[in-house]
Amino acid sequence: MRSKRTNGVRIDVETYYVAEKSIPAMNQYLFGYEITITNENPEAVQLLHRHWVITDALGRVEEVKGPGVIGKQPRLKSGDSFTYDSFCPLPTPFGSMRGSYKMMRDNGEFFEVDVPLFSLVQSKETESQQGPNP
């Protein structure tokens, strides 16, 4: 698991390879990731936007920006966590993701939270792990 704490918010990331939805012969690899966002601040915070930087094995970079995560903009009280699963298709058997969330405190102050760099890797170990069904 990869973890990082920024501005009082902890991000934990777990990844897995989705073998049953991948077609290596056609350069189609699907990776899943589970992210837990924990508010360690004394006040509530809300996730407003996401920004991802996705890099494949050939060094090609794609950026993804948008509101919330999985269609939600969760508000977390002090000590609350929010966990979600999502997926990343790649044309190569490995790559990486990193990013950030734009958050807002109840007083209207905006701040950034870093998502740590994490690897997306097709391997025998990750193939045997069972993640949620896409």
Protein backbone atom coordinates (compact mmCIF):
# COMPACT_ATOMS: atom_id res chain seq x y z
CA MET A 1 0.00 0.00 0.00
CA ARG A 2 1.13 3.52 -0.80
CA SER A 3 0.24 6.31 1.65
CA LYS A 4 0.77 10.05 1.86
CA ARG A 5 -0.47 12.76 4.21
CA THR A 6 -0.88 16.33 2.94
CA ASN A 7 -2.61 19.21 4.74
CA GLY A 8 -4.15 16.88 7.29
CA VAL A 9 -5.63 14.44 4.77
CA ARG A 10 -4.21 10.91 4.39
CA ILE A 11 -4.44 9.06 1.09
CA ASP A 12 -3.97 5.25 1.01
CA VAL A 13 -3.76 3.44 -2.34
CA GLU A 14 -3.99 -0.27 -3.19
CA THR A 15 -3.68 -1.51 -6.80
CA TYR A 16 -4.49 -4.70 -8.68
CA TYR A 17 -4.39 -6.08 -12.21
CA VAL A 18 -7.74 -7.06 -13.74
CA ALA A 19 -6.70 -10.10 -15.81
CA GLU A 20 -10.24 -11.13 -16.81
CA LYS A 21 -10.83 -7.73 -18.51
CA SER A 22 -7.37 -7.45 -20.10
CA ILE A 23 -6.31 -8.64 -23.56
CA PRO A 24 -2.49 -8.59 -23.64
CA ALA A 25 -2.38 -9.82 -27.27
CA MET A 26 -4.18 -6.59 -28.22
CA ASN A 27 -2.15 -4.37 -25.84
CA GLN A 28 -5.15 -3.82 -23.57
CA TYR A 29 -4.39 -3.97 -19.85
CA LEU A 30 -6.84 -2.98 -17.15
CA PHE A 31 -5.70 -2.00 -13.69
CA GLY A 32 -7.83 -1.25 -10.66
CA TYR A 33 -7.06 0.90 -7.68
CA GLU A 34 -8.72 1.45 -4.34
CA ILE A 35 -8.23 4.79 -2.63
CA THR A 36 -9.10 5.65 0.95
CA ILE A 37 -9.23 9.34 1.86
CA THR A 38 -9.08 10.05 5.61
CA ASN A 39 -9.64 13.47 7.13
CA GLU A 40 -7.22 13.94 10.04
CA ASN A 41 -8.07 17.64 10.42
CA PRO A 42 -10.14 18.97 13.33
CA GLU A 43 -12.67 20.42 10.85
CA ALA A 44 -14.65 18.93 7.96
CA VAL A 45 -13.28 19.00 4.40
CA GLN A 46 -14.83 18.32 0.99
CA LEU A 47 -13.23 16.86 -2.13
CA LEU A 48 -14.09 19.05 -5.12
CA HIS A 49 -11.83 18.07 -8.05
CA ARG A 50 -9.33 15.41 -9.11
CA HIS A 51 -6.22 15.62 -11.29
CA TRP A 52 -4.44 12.48 -12.49
CA VAL A 53 -1.15 12.10 -14.33
CA ILE A 54 -1.02 8.64 -15.93
CA THR A 55 2.21 7.37 -17.52
CA ASP A 56 2.49 4.15 -19.52
CA ALA A 57 5.59 1.97 -19.98
CA LEU A 58 6.62 3.92 -23.10
CA GLY A 59 6.62 7.22 -21.21
CA ARG A 60 3.40 8.52 -22.77
CA VAL A 61 1.56 10.79 -20.36
CA GLU A 62 -2.16 11.44 -20.11
CA GLU A 63 -3.73 13.94 -17.74
CA VAL A 64 -7.28 13.56 -16.46
CA LYS A 65 -9.08 16.37 -14.63
CA GLY A 66 -12.64 16.59 -13.44
CA PRO A 67 -15.07 17.18 -10.63
CA GLY A 68 -15.05 14.78 -7.69
CA VAL A 69 -14.33 11.05 -7.83
CA ILE A 70 -16.68 8.38 -9.23
CA GLY A 71 -19.38 11.03 -9.56
CA LYS A 72 -19.16 12.13 -5.92
CA GLN A 73 -17.74 15.09 -4.00
CA PRO A 74 -17.57 13.60 -0.53
CA ARG A 75 -17.60 15.78 2.58
CA LEU A 76 -15.58 14.24 5.40
CA LYS A 77 -15.99 15.21 9.04
CA SER A 78 -12.95 15.00 11.29
CA GLY A 79 -11.84 11.36 11.50
CA ASP A 80 -14.09 10.20 8.61
CA SER A 81 -12.85 8.16 5.65
CA PHE A 82 -14.15 7.67 2.12
CA THR A 83 -13.08 4.65 0.06
CA TYR A 84 -13.68 4.12 -3.64
CA ASP A 85 -12.52 1.87 -6.47
CA SER A 86 -11.77 2.93 -10.01
CA PHE A 87 -9.93 1.63 -13.05
CA CYS A 88 -7.21 2.65 -15.48
CA PRO A 89 -6.77 1.07 -18.93
CA LEU A 90 -3.24 1.09 -20.36
CA PRO A 91 -1.78 -0.08 -23.70
CA THR A 92 1.29 -1.45 -21.86
CA PRO A 93 1.71 -4.07 -19.10
CA PHE A 94 2.90 -1.48 -16.59
CA GLY A 95 2.70 2.20 -15.85
CA SER A 96 2.08 4.61 -13.01
CA MET A 97 -0.36 7.16 -11.67
CA ARG A 98 -0.03 10.15 -9.39
CA GLY A 99 -2.24 13.09 -8.78
CA SER A 100 -3.98 15.47 -6.47
CA TYR A 101 -7.36 16.43 -5.09
CA LYS A 102 -8.59 19.99 -4.70
CA MET A 103 -10.33 20.19 -1.34
CA MET A 104 -12.22 22.85 0.60
CA ARG A 105 -12.49 23.44 4.33
CA ASP A 106 -15.82 24.49 5.87
CA ASN A 107 -14.49 28.08 6.13
CA GLY A 108 -14.18 28.20 2.30
CA GLU A 109 -10.39 27.79 2.19
CA PHE A 110 -9.18 25.70 -0.78
CA PHE A 111 -6.15 23.40 -0.53
CA GLU A 112 -4.45 20.58 -2.41
CA VAL A 113 -3.92 17.00 -1.27
CA ASP A 114 -1.29 14.88 -3.04
CA VAL A 115 -2.01 11.34 -4.18
CA PRO A 116 1.28 9.41 -3.97
CA LEU A 117 2.86 7.92 -7.07
CA PHE A 118 1.71 4.32 -7.45
CA SER A 119 2.60 1.58 -9.91
CA LEU A 120 0.26 -0.32 -12.18
CA VAL A 121 1.92 -3.66 -12.95
CA GLN A 122 0.82 -6.84 -14.68
CA SER A 123 2.44 -9.69 -12.78
CA LYS A 124 1.63 -13.19 -11.61
CA GLU A 125 1.20 -11.83 -8.09
CA THR A 126 -1.28 -9.12 -9.13
CA GLU A 127 -3.08 -11.48 -11.52
CA SER A 128 -4.01 -13.75 -8.62
CA GLN A 129 -5.40 -10.92 -6.48
CA GLN A 130 -9.12 -10.42 -6.62
CA GLY A 131 -10.32 -6.86 -6.84
CA PRO A 132 -13.88 -5.62 -7.27
CA ASN A 133 -15.53 -6.45 -10.59
CA PRO A 134 -15.43 -3.52 -13.05
